[in-house]
Structures are given as structure tokens and as C-alpha cells.
Amino acid sequence: FTITRDNAESTLYLQMNSLEPEDT
């Protein structure tokens, strides 16, 4: 997972890769 933010857009992101059932 990667957390990023774009303060100009007032937006927070969470990029989730290689998801597993345990991430549900």
C-alpha cells in the first residue's frame, strides 16, 4: 500500500496493490 496526498486538491489517497482476502 502507498499513502499519498494532494493538498492542492485536498485529497488523500491509498493505493492498494497485491490485495489479499485479509485486506477485506
PDBML (XML) file of the C-alpha atoms, coordinates in Angstrom:
<?xml version="1.0" encoding="UTF-8" ?>
<PDBx:datablock datablockName="MODEL"
   xmlns:PDBx="http://pdbml.pdb.org/schema/pdbx-v50.xsd"
   xmlns:xsi="http://www.w3.org/2001/XMLSchema-instance"
   xsi:schemaLocation="http://pdbml.pdb.org/schema/pdbx-v50.xsd pdbx-v50.xsd">
   <PDBx:atom_siteCategory>
      <PDBx:atom_site id="1">
         <PDBx:B_iso_or_equiv>0.00</PDBx:B_iso_or_equiv>
         <PDBx:Cartn_x>0.000</PDBx:Cartn_x>
         <PDBx:Cartn_y>0.000</PDBx:Cartn_y>
         <PDBx:Cartn_z>0.000</PDBx:Cartn_z>
         <PDBx:auth_asym_id>A</PDBx:auth_asym_id>
         <PDBx:auth_atom_id>CA</PDBx:auth_atom_id>
         <PDBx:auth_comp_id>PHE</PDBx:auth_comp_id>
         <PDBx:auth_seq_id>1</PDBx:auth_seq_id>
         <PDBx:group_PDB>ATOM</PDBx:group_PDB>
         <PDBx:label_alt_id xsi:nil="true" />
         <PDBx:label_asym_id>A</PDBx:label_asym_id>
         <PDBx:label_atom_id>CA</PDBx:label_atom_id>
         <PDBx:label_comp_id>PHE</PDBx:label_comp_id>
         <PDBx:label_entity_id>1</PDBx:label_entity_id>
         <PDBx:label_seq_id>1</PDBx:label_seq_id>
         <PDBx:occupancy>1.00</PDBx:occupancy>
         <PDBx:pdbx_PDB_model_num>1</PDBx:pdbx_PDB_model_num>
         <PDBx:type_symbol>C</PDBx:type_symbol>
      </PDBx:atom_site>
      <PDBx:atom_site id="2">
         <PDBx:B_iso_or_equiv>0.00</PDBx:B_iso_or_equiv>
         <PDBx:Cartn_x>1.057</PDBx:Cartn_x>
         <PDBx:Cartn_y>3.578</PDBx:Cartn_y>
         <PDBx:Cartn_z>-0.610</PDBx:Cartn_z>
         <PDBx:auth_asym_id>A</PDBx:auth_asym_id>
         <PDBx:auth_atom_id>CA</PDBx:auth_atom_id>
         <PDBx:auth_comp_id>THR</PDBx:auth_comp_id>
         <PDBx:auth_seq_id>2</PDBx:auth_seq_id>
         <PDBx:group_PDB>ATOM</PDBx:group_PDB>
         <PDBx:label_alt_id xsi:nil="true" />
         <PDBx:label_asym_id>A</PDBx:label_asym_id>
         <PDBx:label_atom_id>CA</PDBx:label_atom_id>
         <PDBx:label_comp_id>THR</PDBx:label_comp_id>
         <PDBx:label_entity_id>1</PDBx:label_entity_id>
         <PDBx:label_seq_id>2</PDBx:label_seq_id>
         <PDBx:occupancy>1.00</PDBx:occupancy>
         <PDBx:pdbx_PDB_model_num>1</PDBx:pdbx_PDB_model_num>
         <PDBx:type_symbol>C</PDBx:type_symbol>
      </PDBx:atom_site>
      <PDBx:atom_site id="3">
         <PDBx:B_iso_or_equiv>0.00</PDBx:B_iso_or_equiv>
         <PDBx:Cartn_x>-0.439</PDBx:Cartn_x>
         <PDBx:Cartn_y>6.618</PDBx:Cartn_y>
         <PDBx:Cartn_z>1.072</PDBx:Cartn_z>
         <PDBx:auth_asym_id>A</PDBx:auth_asym_id>
         <PDBx:auth_atom_id>CA</PDBx:auth_atom_id>
         <PDBx:auth_comp_id>ILE</PDBx:auth_comp_id>
         <PDBx:auth_seq_id>3</PDBx:auth_seq_id>
         <PDBx:group_PDB>ATOM</PDBx:group_PDB>
         <PDBx:label_alt_id xsi:nil="true" />
         <PDBx:label_asym_id>A</PDBx:label_asym_id>
         <PDBx:label_atom_id>CA</PDBx:label_atom_id>
         <PDBx:label_comp_id>ILE</PDBx:label_comp_id>
         <PDBx:label_entity_id>1</PDBx:label_entity_id>
         <PDBx:label_seq_id>3</PDBx:label_seq_id>
         <PDBx:occupancy>1.00</PDBx:occupancy>
         <PDBx:pdbx_PDB_model_num>1</PDBx:pdbx_PDB_model_num>
         <PDBx:type_symbol>C</PDBx:type_symbol>
      </PDBx:atom_site>
      <PDBx:atom_site id="4">
         <PDBx:B_iso_or_equiv>0.00</PDBx:B_iso_or_equiv>
         <PDBx:Cartn_x>-0.184</PDBx:Cartn_x>
         <PDBx:Cartn_y>9.956</PDBx:Cartn_y>
         <PDBx:Cartn_z>-0.694</PDBx:Cartn_z>
         <PDBx:auth_asym_id>A</PDBx:auth_asym_id>
         <PDBx:auth_atom_id>CA</PDBx:auth_atom_id>
         <PDBx:auth_comp_id>THR</PDBx:auth_comp_id>
         <PDBx:auth_seq_id>4</PDBx:auth_seq_id>
         <PDBx:group_PDB>ATOM</PDBx:group_PDB>
         <PDBx:label_alt_id xsi:nil="true" />
         <PDBx:label_asym_id>A</PDBx:label_asym_id>
         <PDBx:label_atom_id>CA</PDBx:label_atom_id>
         <PDBx:label_comp_id>THR</PDBx:label_comp_id>
         <PDBx:label_entity_id>1</PDBx:label_entity_id>
         <PDBx:label_seq_id>4</PDBx:label_seq_id>
         <PDBx:occupancy>1.00</PDBx:occupancy>
         <PDBx:pdbx_PDB_model_num>1</PDBx:pdbx_PDB_model_num>
         <PDBx:type_symbol>C</PDBx:type_symbol>
      </PDBx:atom_site>
      <PDBx:atom_site id="5">
         <PDBx:B_iso_or_equiv>0.00</PDBx:B_iso_or_equiv>
         <PDBx:Cartn_x>-1.884</PDBx:Cartn_x>
         <PDBx:Cartn_y>13.300</PDBx:Cartn_y>
         <PDBx:Cartn_z>-0.561</PDBx:Cartn_z>
         <PDBx:auth_asym_id>A</PDBx:auth_asym_id>
         <PDBx:auth_atom_id>CA</PDBx:auth_atom_id>
         <PDBx:auth_comp_id>ARG</PDBx:auth_comp_id>
         <PDBx:auth_seq_id>5</PDBx:auth_seq_id>
         <PDBx:group_PDB>ATOM</PDBx:group_PDB>
         <PDBx:label_alt_id xsi:nil="true" />
         <PDBx:label_asym_id>A</PDBx:label_asym_id>
         <PDBx:label_atom_id>CA</PDBx:label_atom_id>
         <PDBx:label_comp_id>ARG</PDBx:label_comp_id>
         <PDBx:label_entity_id>1</PDBx:label_entity_id>
         <PDBx:label_seq_id>5</PDBx:label_seq_id>
         <PDBx:occupancy>1.00</PDBx:occupancy>
         <PDBx:pdbx_PDB_model_num>1</PDBx:pdbx_PDB_model_num>
         <PDBx:type_symbol>C</PDBx:type_symbol>
      </PDBx:atom_site>
      <PDBx:atom_site id="6">
         <PDBx:B_iso_or_equiv>0.00</PDBx:B_iso_or_equiv>
         <PDBx:Cartn_x>-2.511</PDBx:Cartn_x>
         <PDBx:Cartn_y>16.132</PDBx:Cartn_y>
         <PDBx:Cartn_z>-2.954</PDBx:Cartn_z>
         <PDBx:auth_asym_id>A</PDBx:auth_asym_id>
         <PDBx:auth_atom_id>CA</PDBx:auth_atom_id>
         <PDBx:auth_comp_id>ASP</PDBx:auth_comp_id>
         <PDBx:auth_seq_id>6</PDBx:auth_seq_id>
         <PDBx:group_PDB>ATOM</PDBx:group_PDB>
         <PDBx:label_alt_id xsi:nil="true" />
         <PDBx:label_asym_id>A</PDBx:label_asym_id>
         <PDBx:label_atom_id>CA</PDBx:label_atom_id>
         <PDBx:label_comp_id>ASP</PDBx:label_comp_id>
         <PDBx:label_entity_id>1</PDBx:label_entity_id>
         <PDBx:label_seq_id>6</PDBx:label_seq_id>
         <PDBx:occupancy>1.00</PDBx:occupancy>
         <PDBx:pdbx_PDB_model_num>1</PDBx:pdbx_PDB_model_num>
         <PDBx:type_symbol>C</PDBx:type_symbol>
      </PDBx:atom_site>
      <PDBx:atom_site id="7">
         <PDBx:B_iso_or_equiv>0.00</PDBx:B_iso_or_equiv>
         <PDBx:Cartn_x>-3.037</PDBx:Cartn_x>
         <PDBx:Cartn_y>19.173</PDBx:Cartn_y>
         <PDBx:Cartn_z>-0.805</PDBx:Cartn_z>
         <PDBx:auth_asym_id>A</PDBx:auth_asym_id>
         <PDBx:auth_atom_id>CA</PDBx:auth_atom_id>
         <PDBx:auth_comp_id>ASN</PDBx:auth_comp_id>
         <PDBx:auth_seq_id>7</PDBx:auth_seq_id>
         <PDBx:group_PDB>ATOM</PDBx:group_PDB>
         <PDBx:label_alt_id xsi:nil="true" />
         <PDBx:label_asym_id>A</PDBx:label_asym_id>
         <PDBx:label_atom_id>CA</PDBx:label_atom_id>
         <PDBx:label_comp_id>ASN</PDBx:label_comp_id>
         <PDBx:label_entity_id>1</PDBx:label_entity_id>
         <PDBx:label_seq_id>7</PDBx:label_seq_id>
         <PDBx:occupancy>1.00</PDBx:occupancy>
         <PDBx:pdbx_PDB_model_num>1</PDBx:pdbx_PDB_model_num>
         <PDBx:type_symbol>C</PDBx:type_symbol>
      </PDBx:atom_site>
      <PDBx:atom_site id="8">
         <PDBx:B_iso_or_equiv>0.00</PDBx:B_iso_or_equiv>
         <PDBx:Cartn_x>-3.851</PDBx:Cartn_x>
         <PDBx:Cartn_y>21.342</PDBx:Cartn_y>
         <PDBx:Cartn_z>-3.798</PDBx:Cartn_z>
         <PDBx:auth_asym_id>A</PDBx:auth_asym_id>
         <PDBx:auth_atom_id>CA</PDBx:auth_atom_id>
         <PDBx:auth_comp_id>ALA</PDBx:auth_comp_id>
         <PDBx:auth_seq_id>8</PDBx:auth_seq_id>
         <PDBx:group_PDB>ATOM</PDBx:group_PDB>
         <PDBx:label_alt_id xsi:nil="true" />
         <PDBx:label_asym_id>A</PDBx:label_asym_id>
         <PDBx:label_atom_id>CA</PDBx:label_atom_id>
         <PDBx:label_comp_id>ALA</PDBx:label_comp_id>
         <PDBx:label_entity_id>1</PDBx:label_entity_id>
         <PDBx:label_seq_id>8</PDBx:label_seq_id>
         <PDBx:occupancy>1.00</PDBx:occupancy>
         <PDBx:pdbx_PDB_model_num>1</PDBx:pdbx_PDB_model_num>
         <PDBx:type_symbol>C</PDBx:type_symbol>
      </PDBx:atom_site>
      <PDBx:atom_site id="9">
         <PDBx:B_iso_or_equiv>0.00</PDBx:B_iso_or_equiv>
         <PDBx:Cartn_x>-6.816</PDBx:Cartn_x>
         <PDBx:Cartn_y>19.046</PDBx:Cartn_y>
         <PDBx:Cartn_z>-4.418</PDBx:Cartn_z>
         <PDBx:auth_asym_id>A</PDBx:auth_asym_id>
         <PDBx:auth_atom_id>CA</PDBx:auth_atom_id>
         <PDBx:auth_comp_id>GLU</PDBx:auth_comp_id>
         <PDBx:auth_seq_id>9</PDBx:auth_seq_id>
         <PDBx:group_PDB>ATOM</PDBx:group_PDB>
         <PDBx:label_alt_id xsi:nil="true" />
         <PDBx:label_asym_id>A</PDBx:label_asym_id>
         <PDBx:label_atom_id>CA</PDBx:label_atom_id>
         <PDBx:label_comp_id>GLU</PDBx:label_comp_id>
         <PDBx:label_entity_id>1</PDBx:label_entity_id>
         <PDBx:label_seq_id>9</PDBx:label_seq_id>
         <PDBx:occupancy>1.00</PDBx:occupancy>
         <PDBx:pdbx_PDB_model_num>1</PDBx:pdbx_PDB_model_num>
         <PDBx:type_symbol>C</PDBx:type_symbol>
      </PDBx:atom_site>
      <PDBx:atom_site id="10">
         <PDBx:B_iso_or_equiv>0.00</PDBx:B_iso_or_equiv>
         <PDBx:Cartn_x>-7.464</PDBx:Cartn_x>
         <PDBx:Cartn_y>18.440</PDBx:Cartn_y>
         <PDBx:Cartn_z>-0.708</PDBx:Cartn_z>
         <PDBx:auth_asym_id>A</PDBx:auth_asym_id>
         <PDBx:auth_atom_id>CA</PDBx:auth_atom_id>
         <PDBx:auth_comp_id>SER</PDBx:auth_comp_id>
         <PDBx:auth_seq_id>10</PDBx:auth_seq_id>
         <PDBx:group_PDB>ATOM</PDBx:group_PDB>
         <PDBx:label_alt_id xsi:nil="true" />
         <PDBx:label_asym_id>A</PDBx:label_asym_id>
         <PDBx:label_atom_id>CA</PDBx:label_atom_id>
         <PDBx:label_comp_id>SER</PDBx:label_comp_id>
         <PDBx:label_entity_id>1</PDBx:label_entity_id>
         <PDBx:label_seq_id>10</PDBx:label_seq_id>
         <PDBx:occupancy>1.00</PDBx:occupancy>
         <PDBx:pdbx_PDB_model_num>1</PDBx:pdbx_PDB_model_num>
         <PDBx:type_symbol>C</PDBx:type_symbol>
      </PDBx:atom_site>
      <PDBx:atom_site id="11">
         <PDBx:B_iso_or_equiv>0.00</PDBx:B_iso_or_equiv>
         <PDBx:Cartn_x>-7.407</PDBx:Cartn_x>
         <PDBx:Cartn_y>14.727</PDBx:Cartn_y>
         <PDBx:Cartn_z>-1.418</PDBx:Cartn_z>
         <PDBx:auth_asym_id>A</PDBx:auth_asym_id>
         <PDBx:auth_atom_id>CA</PDBx:auth_atom_id>
         <PDBx:auth_comp_id>THR</PDBx:auth_comp_id>
         <PDBx:auth_seq_id>11</PDBx:auth_seq_id>
         <PDBx:group_PDB>ATOM</PDBx:group_PDB>
         <PDBx:label_alt_id xsi:nil="true" />
         <PDBx:label_asym_id>A</PDBx:label_asym_id>
         <PDBx:label_atom_id>CA</PDBx:label_atom_id>
         <PDBx:label_comp_id>THR</PDBx:label_comp_id>
         <PDBx:label_entity_id>1</PDBx:label_entity_id>
         <PDBx:label_seq_id>11</PDBx:label_seq_id>
         <PDBx:occupancy>1.00</PDBx:occupancy>
         <PDBx:pdbx_PDB_model_num>1</PDBx:pdbx_PDB_model_num>
         <PDBx:type_symbol>C</PDBx:type_symbol>
      </PDBx:atom_site>
      <PDBx:atom_site id="12">
         <PDBx:B_iso_or_equiv>0.00</PDBx:B_iso_or_equiv>
         <PDBx:Cartn_x>-5.861</PDBx:Cartn_x>
         <PDBx:Cartn_y>11.759</PDBx:Cartn_y>
         <PDBx:Cartn_z>0.353</PDBx:Cartn_z>
         <PDBx:auth_asym_id>A</PDBx:auth_asym_id>
         <PDBx:auth_atom_id>CA</PDBx:auth_atom_id>
         <PDBx:auth_comp_id>LEU</PDBx:auth_comp_id>
         <PDBx:auth_seq_id>12</PDBx:auth_seq_id>
         <PDBx:group_PDB>ATOM</PDBx:group_PDB>
         <PDBx:label_alt_id xsi:nil="true" />
         <PDBx:label_asym_id>A</PDBx:label_asym_id>
         <PDBx:label_atom_id>CA</PDBx:label_atom_id>
         <PDBx:label_comp_id>LEU</PDBx:label_comp_id>
         <PDBx:label_entity_id>1</PDBx:label_entity_id>
         <PDBx:label_seq_id>12</PDBx:label_seq_id>
         <PDBx:occupancy>1.00</PDBx:occupancy>
         <PDBx:pdbx_PDB_model_num>1</PDBx:pdbx_PDB_model_num>
         <PDBx:type_symbol>C</PDBx:type_symbol>
      </PDBx:atom_site>
      <PDBx:atom_site id="13">
         <PDBx:B_iso_or_equiv>0.00</PDBx:B_iso_or_equiv>
         <PDBx:Cartn_x>-5.153</PDBx:Cartn_x>
         <PDBx:Cartn_y>8.534</PDBx:Cartn_y>
         <PDBx:Cartn_z>-1.497</PDBx:Cartn_z>
         <PDBx:auth_asym_id>A</PDBx:auth_asym_id>
         <PDBx:auth_atom_id>CA</PDBx:auth_atom_id>
         <PDBx:auth_comp_id>TYR</PDBx:auth_comp_id>
         <PDBx:auth_seq_id>13</PDBx:auth_seq_id>
         <PDBx:group_PDB>ATOM</PDBx:group_PDB>
         <PDBx:label_alt_id xsi:nil="true" />
         <PDBx:label_asym_id>A</PDBx:label_asym_id>
         <PDBx:label_atom_id>CA</PDBx:label_atom_id>
         <PDBx:label_comp_id>TYR</PDBx:label_comp_id>
         <PDBx:label_entity_id>1</PDBx:label_entity_id>
         <PDBx:label_seq_id>13</PDBx:label_seq_id>
         <PDBx:occupancy>1.00</PDBx:occupancy>
         <PDBx:pdbx_PDB_model_num>1</PDBx:pdbx_PDB_model_num>
         <PDBx:type_symbol>C</PDBx:type_symbol>
      </PDBx:atom_site>
      <PDBx:atom_site id="14">
         <PDBx:B_iso_or_equiv>0.00</PDBx:B_iso_or_equiv>
         <PDBx:Cartn_x>-4.422</PDBx:Cartn_x>
         <PDBx:Cartn_y>4.958</PDBx:Cartn_y>
         <PDBx:Cartn_z>-0.634</PDBx:Cartn_z>
         <PDBx:auth_asym_id>A</PDBx:auth_asym_id>
         <PDBx:auth_atom_id>CA</PDBx:auth_atom_id>
         <PDBx:auth_comp_id>LEU</PDBx:auth_comp_id>
         <PDBx:auth_seq_id>14</PDBx:auth_seq_id>
         <PDBx:group_PDB>ATOM</PDBx:group_PDB>
         <PDBx:label_alt_id xsi:nil="true" />
         <PDBx:label_asym_id>A</PDBx:label_asym_id>
         <PDBx:label_atom_id>CA</PDBx:label_atom_id>
         <PDBx:label_comp_id>LEU</PDBx:label_comp_id>
         <PDBx:label_entity_id>1</PDBx:label_entity_id>
         <PDBx:label_seq_id>14</PDBx:label_seq_id>
         <PDBx:occupancy>1.00</PDBx:occupancy>
         <PDBx:pdbx_PDB_model_num>1</PDBx:pdbx_PDB_model_num>
         <PDBx:type_symbol>C</PDBx:type_symbol>
      </PDBx:atom_site>
      <PDBx:atom_site id="15">
         <PDBx:B_iso_or_equiv>0.00</PDBx:B_iso_or_equiv>
         <PDBx:Cartn_x>-3.053</PDBx:Cartn_x>
         <PDBx:Cartn_y>2.904</PDBx:Cartn_y>
         <PDBx:Cartn_z>-3.488</PDBx:Cartn_z>
         <PDBx:auth_asym_id>A</PDBx:auth_asym_id>
         <PDBx:auth_atom_id>CA</PDBx:auth_atom_id>
         <PDBx:auth_comp_id>GLN</PDBx:auth_comp_id>
         <PDBx:auth_seq_id>15</PDBx:auth_seq_id>
         <PDBx:group_PDB>ATOM</PDBx:group_PDB>
         <PDBx:label_alt_id xsi:nil="true" />
         <PDBx:label_asym_id>A</PDBx:label_asym_id>
         <PDBx:label_atom_id>CA</PDBx:label_atom_id>
         <PDBx:label_comp_id>GLN</PDBx:label_comp_id>
         <PDBx:label_entity_id>1</PDBx:label_entity_id>
         <PDBx:label_seq_id>15</PDBx:label_seq_id>
         <PDBx:occupancy>1.00</PDBx:occupancy>
         <PDBx:pdbx_PDB_model_num>1</PDBx:pdbx_PDB_model_num>
         <PDBx:type_symbol>C</PDBx:type_symbol>
      </PDBx:atom_site>
      <PDBx:atom_site id="16">
         <PDBx:B_iso_or_equiv>0.00</PDBx:B_iso_or_equiv>
         <PDBx:Cartn_x>-3.554</PDBx:Cartn_x>
         <PDBx:Cartn_y>-0.754</PDBx:Cartn_y>
         <PDBx:Cartn_z>-2.663</PDBx:Cartn_z>
         <PDBx:auth_asym_id>A</PDBx:auth_asym_id>
         <PDBx:auth_atom_id>CA</PDBx:auth_atom_id>
         <PDBx:auth_comp_id>MET</PDBx:auth_comp_id>
         <PDBx:auth_seq_id>16</PDBx:auth_seq_id>
         <PDBx:group_PDB>ATOM</PDBx:group_PDB>
         <PDBx:label_alt_id xsi:nil="true" />
         <PDBx:label_asym_id>A</PDBx:label_asym_id>
         <PDBx:label_atom_id>CA</PDBx:label_atom_id>
         <PDBx:label_comp_id>MET</PDBx:label_comp_id>
         <PDBx:label_entity_id>1</PDBx:label_entity_id>
         <PDBx:label_seq_id>16</PDBx:label_seq_id>
         <PDBx:occupancy>1.00</PDBx:occupancy>
         <PDBx:pdbx_PDB_model_num>1</PDBx:pdbx_PDB_model_num>
         <PDBx:type_symbol>C</PDBx:type_symbol>
      </PDBx:atom_site>
      <PDBx:atom_site id="17">
         <PDBx:B_iso_or_equiv>0.00</PDBx:B_iso_or_equiv>
         <PDBx:Cartn_x>-1.707</PDBx:Cartn_x>
         <PDBx:Cartn_y>-3.345</PDBx:Cartn_y>
         <PDBx:Cartn_z>-4.710</PDBx:Cartn_z>
         <PDBx:auth_asym_id>A</PDBx:auth_asym_id>
         <PDBx:auth_atom_id>CA</PDBx:auth_atom_id>
         <PDBx:auth_comp_id>ASN</PDBx:auth_comp_id>
         <PDBx:auth_seq_id>17</PDBx:auth_seq_id>
         <PDBx:group_PDB>ATOM</PDBx:group_PDB>
         <PDBx:label_alt_id xsi:nil="true" />
         <PDBx:label_asym_id>A</PDBx:label_asym_id>
         <PDBx:label_atom_id>CA</PDBx:label_atom_id>
         <PDBx:label_comp_id>ASN</PDBx:label_comp_id>
         <PDBx:label_entity_id>1</PDBx:label_entity_id>
         <PDBx:label_seq_id>17</PDBx:label_seq_id>
         <PDBx:occupancy>1.00</PDBx:occupancy>
         <PDBx:pdbx_PDB_model_num>1</PDBx:pdbx_PDB_model_num>
         <PDBx:type_symbol>C</PDBx:type_symbol>
      </PDBx:atom_site>
      <PDBx:atom_site id="18">
         <PDBx:B_iso_or_equiv>0.00</PDBx:B_iso_or_equiv>
         <PDBx:Cartn_x>-1.400</PDBx:Cartn_x>
         <PDBx:Cartn_y>-7.112</PDBx:Cartn_y>
         <PDBx:Cartn_z>-4.402</PDBx:Cartn_z>
         <PDBx:auth_asym_id>A</PDBx:auth_asym_id>
         <PDBx:auth_atom_id>CA</PDBx:auth_atom_id>
         <PDBx:auth_comp_id>SER</PDBx:auth_comp_id>
         <PDBx:auth_seq_id>18</PDBx:auth_seq_id>
         <PDBx:group_PDB>ATOM</PDBx:group_PDB>
         <PDBx:label_alt_id xsi:nil="true" />
         <PDBx:label_asym_id>A</PDBx:label_asym_id>
         <PDBx:label_atom_id>CA</PDBx:label_atom_id>
         <PDBx:label_comp_id>SER</PDBx:label_comp_id>
         <PDBx:label_entity_id>1</PDBx:label_entity_id>
         <PDBx:label_seq_id>18</PDBx:label_seq_id>
         <PDBx:occupancy>1.00</PDBx:occupancy>
         <PDBx:pdbx_PDB_model_num>1</PDBx:pdbx_PDB_model_num>
         <PDBx:type_symbol>C</PDBx:type_symbol>
      </PDBx:atom_site>
      <PDBx:atom_site id="19">
         <PDBx:B_iso_or_equiv>0.00</PDBx:B_iso_or_equiv>
         <PDBx:Cartn_x>-4.612</PDBx:Cartn_x>
         <PDBx:Cartn_y>-7.215</PDBx:Cartn_y>
         <PDBx:Cartn_z>-2.423</PDBx:Cartn_z>
         <PDBx:auth_asym_id>A</PDBx:auth_asym_id>
         <PDBx:auth_atom_id>CA</PDBx:auth_atom_id>
         <PDBx:auth_comp_id>LEU</PDBx:auth_comp_id>
         <PDBx:auth_seq_id>19</PDBx:auth_seq_id>
         <PDBx:group_PDB>ATOM</PDBx:group_PDB>
         <PDBx:label_alt_id xsi:nil="true" />
         <PDBx:label_asym_id>A</PDBx:label_asym_id>
         <PDBx:label_atom_id>CA</PDBx:label_atom_id>
         <PDBx:label_comp_id>LEU</PDBx:label_comp_id>
         <PDBx:label_entity_id>1</PDBx:label_entity_id>
         <PDBx:label_seq_id>19</PDBx:label_seq_id>
         <PDBx:occupancy>1.00</PDBx:occupancy>
         <PDBx:pdbx_PDB_model_num>1</PDBx:pdbx_PDB_model_num>
         <PDBx:type_symbol>C</PDBx:type_symbol>
      </PDBx:atom_site>
      <PDBx:atom_site id="20">
         <PDBx:B_iso_or_equiv>0.00</PDBx:B_iso_or_equiv>
         <PDBx:Cartn_x>-5.297</PDBx:Cartn_x>
         <PDBx:Cartn_y>-10.243</PDBx:Cartn_y>
         <PDBx:Cartn_z>-0.272</PDBx:Cartn_z>
         <PDBx:auth_asym_id>A</PDBx:auth_asym_id>
         <PDBx:auth_atom_id>CA</PDBx:auth_atom_id>
         <PDBx:auth_comp_id>GLU</PDBx:auth_comp_id>
         <PDBx:auth_seq_id>20</PDBx:auth_seq_id>
         <PDBx:group_PDB>ATOM</PDBx:group_PDB>
         <PDBx:label_alt_id xsi:nil="true" />
         <PDBx:label_asym_id>A</PDBx:label_asym_id>
         <PDBx:label_atom_id>CA</PDBx:label_atom_id>
         <PDBx:label_comp_id>GLU</PDBx:label_comp_id>
         <PDBx:label_entity_id>1</PDBx:label_entity_id>
         <PDBx:label_seq_id>20</PDBx:label_seq_id>
         <PDBx:occupancy>1.00</PDBx:occupancy>
         <PDBx:pdbx_PDB_model_num>1</PDBx:pdbx_PDB_model_num>
         <PDBx:type_symbol>C</PDBx:type_symbol>
      </PDBx:atom_site>
      <PDBx:atom_site id="21">
         <PDBx:B_iso_or_equiv>0.00</PDBx:B_iso_or_equiv>
         <PDBx:Cartn_x>-8.548</PDBx:Cartn_x>
         <PDBx:Cartn_y>-11.573</PDBx:Cartn_y>
         <PDBx:Cartn_z>1.214</PDBx:Cartn_z>
         <PDBx:auth_asym_id>A</PDBx:auth_asym_id>
         <PDBx:auth_atom_id>CA</PDBx:auth_atom_id>
         <PDBx:auth_comp_id>PRO</PDBx:auth_comp_id>
         <PDBx:auth_seq_id>21</PDBx:auth_seq_id>
         <PDBx:group_PDB>ATOM</PDBx:group_PDB>
         <PDBx:label_alt_id xsi:nil="true" />
         <PDBx:label_asym_id>A</PDBx:label_asym_id>
         <PDBx:label_atom_id>CA</PDBx:label_atom_id>
         <PDBx:label_comp_id>PRO</PDBx:label_comp_id>
         <PDBx:label_entity_id>1</PDBx:label_entity_id>
         <PDBx:label_seq_id>21</PDBx:label_seq_id>
         <PDBx:occupancy>1.00</PDBx:occupancy>
         <PDBx:pdbx_PDB_model_num>1</PDBx:pdbx_PDB_model_num>
         <PDBx:type_symbol>C</PDBx:type_symbol>
      </PDBx:atom_site>
      <PDBx:atom_site id="22">
         <PDBx:B_iso_or_equiv>0.00</PDBx:B_iso_or_equiv>
         <PDBx:Cartn_x>-7.217</PDBx:Cartn_x>
         <PDBx:Cartn_y>-10.489</PDBx:Cartn_y>
         <PDBx:Cartn_z>4.612</PDBx:Cartn_z>
         <PDBx:auth_asym_id>A</PDBx:auth_asym_id>
         <PDBx:auth_atom_id>CA</PDBx:auth_atom_id>
         <PDBx:auth_comp_id>GLU</PDBx:auth_comp_id>
         <PDBx:auth_seq_id>22</PDBx:auth_seq_id>
         <PDBx:group_PDB>ATOM</PDBx:group_PDB>
         <PDBx:label_alt_id xsi:nil="true" />
         <PDBx:label_asym_id>A</PDBx:label_asym_id>
         <PDBx:label_atom_id>CA</PDBx:label_atom_id>
         <PDBx:label_comp_id>GLU</PDBx:label_comp_id>
         <PDBx:label_entity_id>1</PDBx:label_entity_id>
         <PDBx:label_seq_id>22</PDBx:label_seq_id>
         <PDBx:occupancy>1.00</PDBx:occupancy>
         <PDBx:pdbx_PDB_model_num>1</PDBx:pdbx_PDB_model_num>
         <PDBx:type_symbol>C</PDBx:type_symbol>
      </PDBx:atom_site>
      <PDBx:atom_site id="23">
         <PDBx:B_iso_or_equiv>0.00</PDBx:B_iso_or_equiv>
         <PDBx:Cartn_x>-7.433</PDBx:Cartn_x>
         <PDBx:Cartn_y>-6.895</PDBx:Cartn_y>
         <PDBx:Cartn_z>3.401</PDBx:Cartn_z>
         <PDBx:auth_asym_id>A</PDBx:auth_asym_id>
         <PDBx:auth_atom_id>CA</PDBx:auth_atom_id>
         <PDBx:auth_comp_id>ASP</PDBx:auth_comp_id>
         <PDBx:auth_seq_id>23</PDBx:auth_seq_id>
         <PDBx:group_PDB>ATOM</PDBx:group_PDB>
         <PDBx:label_alt_id xsi:nil="true" />
         <PDBx:label_asym_id>A</PDBx:label_asym_id>
         <PDBx:label_atom_id>CA</PDBx:label_atom_id>
         <PDBx:label_comp_id>ASP</PDBx:label_comp_id>
         <PDBx:label_entity_id>1</PDBx:label_entity_id>
         <PDBx:label_seq_id>23</PDBx:label_seq_id>
         <PDBx:occupancy>1.00</PDBx:occupancy>
         <PDBx:pdbx_PDB_model_num>1</PDBx:pdbx_PDB_model_num>
         <PDBx:type_symbol>C</PDBx:type_symbol>
      </PDBx:atom_site>
      <PDBx:atom_site id="24">
         <PDBx:B_iso_or_equiv>0.00</PDBx:B_iso_or_equiv>
         <PDBx:Cartn_x>-11.230</PDBx:Cartn_x>
         <PDBx:Cartn_y>-7.124</PDBx:Cartn_y>
         <PDBx:Cartn_z>3.280</PDBx:Cartn_z>
         <PDBx:auth_asym_id>A</PDBx:auth_asym_id>
         <PDBx:auth_atom_id>CA</PDBx:auth_atom_id>
         <PDBx:auth_comp_id>THR</PDBx:auth_comp_id>
         <PDBx:auth_seq_id>24</PDBx:auth_seq_id>
         <PDBx:group_PDB>ATOM</PDBx:group_PDB>
         <PDBx:label_alt_id xsi:nil="true" />
         <PDBx:label_asym_id>A</PDBx:label_asym_id>
         <PDBx:label_atom_id>CA</PDBx:label_atom_id>
         <PDBx:label_comp_id>THR</PDBx:label_comp_id>
         <PDBx:label_entity_id>1</PDBx:label_entity_id>
         <PDBx:label_seq_id>24</PDBx:label_seq_id>
         <PDBx:occupancy>1.00</PDBx:occupancy>
         <PDBx:pdbx_PDB_model_num>1</PDBx:pdbx_PDB_model_num>
         <PDBx:type_symbol>C</PDBx:type_symbol>
      </PDBx:atom_site>
   </PDBx:atom_siteCategory>
</PDBx:datablock>
